[in-house]
Amino acid sequence: LRGEVIQIGAVKLDKNMQPCGSYQ
């Protein structure tokens, strides 16, 4: 176990590569 995740960040893009949502 090299480390433990302490933050998840994500951005959702549509088929036109435009941001349509985020998660943290």
PDB file of all heavy atoms in Angstrom:
ATOM      1  N   LEU A   1       0.863  -1.175   0.000  1.00  0.00           N
ATOM      2  CA  LEU A   1       0.000   0.000   0.000  1.00  0.00           C
ATOM      3  C   LEU A   1       0.898   1.223   0.000  1.00  0.00           C
ATOM      4  O   LEU A   1       1.498   1.573   1.019  1.00  0.00           O
ATOM      5  CB  LEU A   1      -0.924   0.000   1.229  1.00  0.00           C
ATOM      6  CG  LEU A   1      -1.978   1.116   1.285  1.00  0.00           C
ATOM      7  CD1 LEU A   1      -2.951   1.011   0.126  1.00  0.00           C
ATOM      8  CD2 LEU A   1      -2.723   1.073   2.612  1.00  0.00           C
ATOM      9  N   ARG A   2       1.009   1.870  -1.168  1.00  0.00           N
ATOM     10  CA  ARG A   2       1.942   2.988  -1.308  1.00  0.00           C
ATOM     11  C   ARG A   2       1.429   4.268  -0.667  1.00  0.00           C
ATOM     12  O   ARG A   2       2.197   5.140  -0.291  1.00  0.00           O
ATOM     13  CB  ARG A   2       2.227   3.235  -2.793  1.00  0.00           C
ATOM     14  CG  ARG A   2       2.889   2.077  -3.506  1.00  0.00           C
ATOM     15  CD  ARG A   2       2.858   2.291  -4.997  1.00  0.00           C
ATOM     16  NE  ARG A   2       1.493   2.270  -5.508  1.00  0.00           N
ATOM     17  CZ  ARG A   2       1.066   2.975  -6.540  1.00  0.00           C
ATOM     18  NH1 ARG A   2       1.895   3.801  -7.154  1.00  0.00           N
ATOM     19  NH2 ARG A   2      -0.192   2.883  -6.948  1.00  0.00           N
ATOM     20  N   GLY A   3       0.124   4.401  -0.558  1.00  0.00           N
ATOM     21  CA  GLY A   3      -0.474   5.598   0.003  1.00  0.00           C
ATOM     22  C   GLY A   3      -1.974   5.422   0.074  1.00  0.00           C
ATOM     23  O   GLY A   3      -2.532   4.452  -0.458  1.00  0.00           O
ATOM     24  N   GLU A   4      -2.643   6.360   0.737  1.00  0.00           N
ATOM     25  CA  GLU A   4      -4.108   6.307   0.816  1.00  0.00           C
ATOM     26  C   GLU A   4      -4.703   7.581   0.224  1.00  0.00           C
ATOM     27  O   GLU A   4      -4.275   8.696   0.548  1.00  0.00           O
ATOM     28  CB  GLU A   4      -4.566   6.141   2.259  1.00  0.00           C
ATOM     29  CG  GLU A   4      -4.467   4.709   2.744  1.00  0.00           C
ATOM     30  CD  GLU A   4      -5.279   4.472   4.008  1.00  0.00           C
ATOM     31  OE1 GLU A   4      -4.749   4.744   5.105  1.00  0.00           O
ATOM     32  OE2 GLU A   4      -6.433   4.012   3.905  1.00  0.00           O
ATOM     33  N   VAL A   5      -5.685   7.401  -0.629  1.00  0.00           N
ATOM     34  CA  VAL A   5      -6.346   8.519  -1.295  1.00  0.00           C
ATOM     35  C   VAL A   5      -7.017   9.411  -0.262  1.00  0.00           C
ATOM     36  O   VAL A   5      -7.733   8.930   0.617  1.00  0.00           O
ATOM     37  CB  VAL A   5      -7.398   8.001  -2.299  1.00  0.00           C
ATOM     38  CG1 VAL A   5      -8.195   9.163  -2.885  1.00  0.00           C
ATOM     39  CG2 VAL A   5      -6.719   7.201  -3.412  1.00  0.00           C
ATOM     40  N   ILE A   6      -6.772  10.721  -0.365  1.00  0.00           N
ATOM     41  CA  ILE A   6      -7.408  11.661   0.563  1.00  0.00           C
ATOM     42  C   ILE A   6      -8.247  12.710  -0.177  1.00  0.00           C
ATOM     43  O   ILE A   6      -8.957  13.479   0.463  1.00  0.00           O
ATOM     44  CB  ILE A   6      -6.367  12.365   1.451  1.00  0.00           C
ATOM     45  CG1 ILE A   6      -5.326  13.102   0.613  1.00  0.00           C
ATOM     46  CG2 ILE A   6      -5.698  11.379   2.382  1.00  0.00           C
ATOM     47  CD1 ILE A   6      -4.359  13.960   1.439  1.00  0.00           C
ATOM     48  N   GLN A   7      -8.175  12.739  -1.517  1.00  0.00           N
ATOM     49  CA  GLN A   7      -9.027  13.661  -2.270  1.00  0.00           C
ATOM     50  C   GLN A   7      -9.256  13.122  -3.672  1.00  0.00           C
ATOM     51  O   GLN A   7      -8.323  12.651  -4.330  1.00  0.00           O
ATOM     52  CB  GLN A   7      -8.400  15.055  -2.354  1.00  0.00           C
ATOM     53  CG  GLN A   7      -9.328  16.089  -3.013  1.00  0.00           C
ATOM     54  CD  GLN A   7      -8.667  17.450  -3.204  1.00  0.00           C
ATOM     55  OE1 GLN A   7      -7.444  17.539  -3.298  1.00  0.00           O
ATOM     56  NE2 GLN A   7      -9.461  18.508  -3.265  1.00  0.00           N
ATOM     57  N   ILE A   8     -10.499  13.154  -4.092  1.00  0.00           N
ATOM     58  CA  ILE A   8     -10.884  12.779  -5.456  1.00  0.00           C
ATOM     59  C   ILE A   8     -11.463  14.009  -6.130  1.00  0.00           C
ATOM     60  O   ILE A   8     -12.350  14.671  -5.582  1.00  0.00           O
ATOM     61  CB  ILE A   8     -11.943  11.656  -5.466  1.00  0.00           C
ATOM     62  CG1 ILE A   8     -11.400  10.408  -4.759  1.00  0.00           C
ATOM     63  CG2 ILE A   8     -12.361  11.319  -6.891  1.00  0.00           C
ATOM     64  CD1 ILE A   8     -12.443   9.308  -4.578  1.00  0.00           C
ATOM     65  N   GLY A   9     -10.959  14.319  -7.306  1.00  0.00           N
ATOM     66  CA  GLY A   9     -11.490  15.436  -8.087  1.00  0.00           C
ATOM     67  C   GLY A   9     -11.752  14.980  -9.505  1.00  0.00           C
ATOM     68  O   GLY A   9     -10.959  14.218 -10.070  1.00  0.00           O
ATOM     69  N   ALA A  10     -12.864  15.414 -10.082  1.00  0.00           N
ATOM     70  CA  ALA A  10     -13.203  14.980 -11.437  1.00  0.00           C
ATOM     71  C   ALA A  10     -14.050  16.034 -12.138  1.00  0.00           C
ATOM     72  O   ALA A  10     -14.816  16.768 -11.499  1.00  0.00           O
ATOM     73  CB  ALA A  10     -13.968  13.655 -11.402  1.00  0.00           C
ATOM     74  N   VAL A  11     -13.896  16.097 -13.461  1.00  0.00           N
ATOM     75  CA  VAL A  11     -14.700  16.988 -14.292  1.00  0.00           C
ATOM     76  C   VAL A  11     -15.292  16.158 -15.423  1.00  0.00           C
ATOM     77  O   VAL A  11     -14.585  15.398 -16.079  1.00  0.00           O
ATOM     78  CB  VAL A  11     -13.857  18.142 -14.874  1.00  0.00           C
ATOM     79  CG1 VAL A  11     -14.672  18.948 -15.896  1.00  0.00           C
ATOM     80  CG2 VAL A  11     -13.363  19.058 -13.751  1.00  0.00           C
ATOM     81  N   LYS A  12     -16.600  16.298 -15.639  1.00  0.00           N
ATOM     82  CA  LYS A  12     -17.293  15.539 -16.679  1.00  0.00           C
ATOM     83  C   LYS A  12     -17.429  16.397 -17.931  1.00  0.00           C
ATOM     84  O   LYS A  12     -17.839  17.567 -17.856  1.00  0.00           O
ATOM     85  CB  LYS A  12     -18.671  15.101 -16.181  1.00  0.00           C
ATOM     86  CG  LYS A  12     -19.413  14.157 -17.114  1.00  0.00           C
ATOM     87  CD  LYS A  12     -20.759  13.725 -16.512  1.00  0.00           C
ATOM     88  CE  LYS A  12     -20.577  12.833 -15.310  1.00  0.00           C
ATOM     89  NZ  LYS A  12     -21.875  12.319 -14.795  1.00  0.00           N
ATOM     90  N   LEU A  13     -17.055  15.832 -19.090  1.00  0.00           N
ATOM     91  CA  LEU A  13     -17.128  16.517 -20.371  1.00  0.00           C
ATOM     92  C   LEU A  13     -18.133  15.818 -21.274  1.00  0.00           C
ATOM     93  O   LEU A  13     -18.205  14.581 -21.297  1.00  0.00           O
ATOM     94  CB  LEU A  13     -15.751  16.523 -21.049  1.00  0.00           C
ATOM     95  CG  LEU A  13     -14.592  17.127 -20.247  1.00  0.00           C
ATOM     96  CD1 LEU A  13     -13.274  16.842 -20.945  1.00  0.00           C
ATOM     97  CD2 LEU A  13     -14.789  18.615 -20.064  1.00  0.00           C
ATOM     98  N   ASP A  14     -18.870  16.600 -22.060  1.00  0.00           N
ATOM     99  CA  ASP A  14     -19.830  15.995 -22.990  1.00  0.00           C
ATOM    100  C   ASP A  14     -19.120  15.605 -24.287  1.00  0.00           C
ATOM    101  O   ASP A  14     -17.891  15.718 -24.399  1.00  0.00           O
ATOM    102  CB  ASP A  14     -21.001  16.940 -23.255  1.00  0.00           C
ATOM    103  CG  ASP A  14     -20.568  18.264 -23.888  1.00  0.00           C
ATOM    104  OD1 ASP A  14     -19.476  18.312 -24.508  1.00  0.00           O
ATOM    105  OD2 ASP A  14     -21.318  19.254 -23.790  1.00  0.00           O
ATOM    106  N   LYS A  15     -19.881  15.167 -25.281  1.00  0.00           N
ATOM    107  CA  LYS A  15     -19.296  14.688 -26.536  1.00  0.00           C
ATOM    108  C   LYS A  15     -18.554  15.794 -27.287  1.00  0.00           C
ATOM    109  O   LYS A  15     -17.708  15.517 -28.141  1.00  0.00           O
ATOM    110  CB  LYS A  15     -20.369  14.093 -27.437  1.00  0.00           C
ATOM    111  CG  LYS A  15     -21.454  15.070 -27.855  1.00  0.00           C
ATOM    112  CD  LYS A  15     -22.485  14.391 -28.734  1.00  0.00           C
ATOM    113  CE  LYS A  15     -23.563  15.372 -29.184  1.00  0.00           C
ATOM    114  NZ  LYS A  15     -24.583  14.704 -30.052  1.00  0.00           N
ATOM    115  N   ASN A  16     -18.869  17.042 -26.964  1.00  0.00           N
ATOM    116  CA  ASN A  16     -18.187  18.178 -27.591  1.00  0.00           C
ATOM    117  C   ASN A  16     -17.021  18.682 -26.742  1.00  0.00           C
ATOM    118  O   ASN A  16     -16.496  19.770 -27.003  1.00  0.00           O
ATOM    119  CB  ASN A  16     -19.191  19.311 -27.828  1.00  0.00           C
ATOM    120  CG  ASN A  16     -20.300  18.902 -28.787  1.00  0.00           C
ATOM    121  OD1 ASN A  16     -20.050  18.283 -29.822  1.00  0.00           O
ATOM    122  ND2 ASN A  16     -21.543  19.230 -28.432  1.00  0.00           N
ATOM    123  N   MET A  17     -16.662  17.893 -25.735  1.00  0.00           N
ATOM    124  CA  MET A  17     -15.558  18.216 -24.827  1.00  0.00           C
ATOM    125  C   MET A  17     -15.809  19.496 -24.034  1.00  0.00           C
ATOM    126  O   MET A  17     -14.885  20.239 -23.688  1.00  0.00           O
ATOM    127  CB  MET A  17     -14.227  18.325 -25.593  1.00  0.00           C
ATOM    128  CG  MET A  17     -13.876  17.080 -26.385  1.00  0.00           C
ATOM    129  SD  MET A  17     -13.866  15.559 -25.382  1.00  0.00           S
ATOM    130  CE  MET A  17     -12.485  15.872 -24.286  1.00  0.00           C
ATOM    131  N   GLN A  18     -17.059  19.746 -23.722  1.00  0.00           N
ATOM    132  CA  GLN A  18     -17.433  20.892 -22.906  1.00  0.00           C
ATOM    133  C   GLN A  18     -17.770  20.421 -21.490  1.00  0.00           C
ATOM    134  O   GLN A  18     -18.489  19.432 -21.313  1.00  0.00           O
ATOM    135  CB  GLN A  18     -18.640  21.617 -23.508  1.00  0.00           C
ATOM    136  CG  GLN A  18     -18.368  22.260 -24.853  1.00  0.00           C
ATOM    137  CD  GLN A  18     -17.286  23.323 -24.761  1.00  0.00           C
ATOM    138  OE1 GLN A  18     -17.320  24.194 -23.890  1.00  0.00           O
ATOM    139  NE2 GLN A  18     -16.316  23.240 -25.672  1.00  0.00           N
ATOM    140  N   PRO A  19     -17.264  21.100 -20.432  1.00  0.00           N
ATOM    141  CA  PRO A  19     -17.562  20.708 -19.056  1.00  0.00           C
ATOM    142  C   PRO A  19     -19.059  20.743 -18.770  1.00  0.00           C
ATOM    143  O   PRO A  19     -19.749  21.706 -19.145  1.00  0.00           O
ATOM    144  CB  PRO A  19     -16.818  21.751 -18.216  1.00  0.00           C
ATOM    145  CG  PRO A  19     -15.740  22.264 -19.113  1.00  0.00           C
ATOM    146  CD  PRO A  19     -16.327  22.243 -20.497  1.00  0.00           C
ATOM    147  N   CYS A  20     -19.564  19.687 -18.133  1.00  0.00           N
ATOM    148  CA  CYS A  20     -20.990  19.641 -17.800  1.00  0.00           C
ATOM    149  C   CYS A  20     -21.218  19.131 -16.379  1.00  0.00           C
ATOM    150  O   CYS A  20     -22.339  18.755 -16.024  1.00  0.00           O
ATOM    151  CB  CYS A  20     -21.749  18.780 -18.810  1.00  0.00           C
ATOM    152  SG  CYS A  20     -21.181  17.083 -18.934  1.00  0.00           S
ATOM    153  N   GLY A  21     -20.174  19.103 -15.577  1.00  0.00           N
ATOM    154  CA  GLY A  21     -20.311  18.674 -14.187  1.00  0.00           C
ATOM    155  C   GLY A  21     -18.963  18.491 -13.532  1.00  0.00           C
ATOM    156  O   GLY A  21     -17.947  18.321 -14.209  1.00  0.00           O
ATOM    157  N   SER A  22     -18.942  18.557 -12.197  1.00  0.00           N
ATOM    158  CA  SER A  22     -17.687  18.359 -11.467  1.00  0.00           C
ATOM    159  C   SER A  22     -17.977  17.625 -10.167  1.00  0.00           C
ATOM    160  O   SER A  22     -19.106  17.608  -9.668  1.00  0.00           O
ATOM    161  CB  SER A  22     -16.992  19.698 -11.182  1.00  0.00           C
ATOM    162  OG  SER A  22     -17.795  20.509 -10.351  1.00  0.00           O
ATOM    163  N   TYR A  23     -16.921  17.026  -9.637  1.00  0.00           N
ATOM    164  CA  TYR A  23     -17.059  16.243  -8.405  1.00  0.00           C
ATOM    165  C   TYR A  23     -15.795  16.425  -7.574  1.00  0.00           C
ATOM    166  O   TYR A  23     -14.675  16.430  -8.103  1.00  0.00           O
ATOM    167  CB  TYR A  23     -17.243  14.759  -8.730  1.00  0.00           C
ATOM    168  CG  TYR A  23     -17.423  13.873  -7.519  1.00  0.00           C
ATOM    169  CD1 TYR A  23     -18.693  13.567  -7.044  1.00  0.00           C
ATOM    170  CD2 TYR A  23     -16.320  13.345  -6.856  1.00  0.00           C
ATOM    171  CE1 TYR A  23     -18.863  12.757  -5.928  1.00  0.00           C
ATOM    172  CE2 TYR A  23     -16.484  12.540  -5.729  1.00  0.00           C
ATOM    173  CZ  TYR A  23     -17.753  12.246  -5.275  1.00  0.00           C
ATOM    174  OH  TYR A  23     -17.934  11.441  -4.171  1.00  0.00           O
ATOM    175  N   GLN A  24     -15.957  16.543  -6.255  1.00  0.00           N
ATOM    176  CA  GLN A  24     -14.810  16.680  -5.355  1.00  0.00           C
ATOM    177  C   GLN A  24     -15.198  16.142  -3.992  1.00  0.00           C
ATOM    178  O   GLN A  24     -16.310  16.395  -3.503  1.00  0.00           O
ATOM    179  CB  GLN A  24     -14.383  18.143  -5.252  1.00  0.00           C
ATOM    180  CG  GLN A  24     -13.078  18.371  -4.521  1.00  0.00           C
ATOM    181  CD  GLN A  24     -13.227  18.430  -2.991  1.00  0.00           C
ATOM    182  OE1 GLN A  24     -12.330  18.031  -2.260  1.00  0.00           O
ATOM    183  NE2 GLN A  24     -14.351  18.922  -2.493  1.00  0.00           N
TER     184      GLN A  24
END
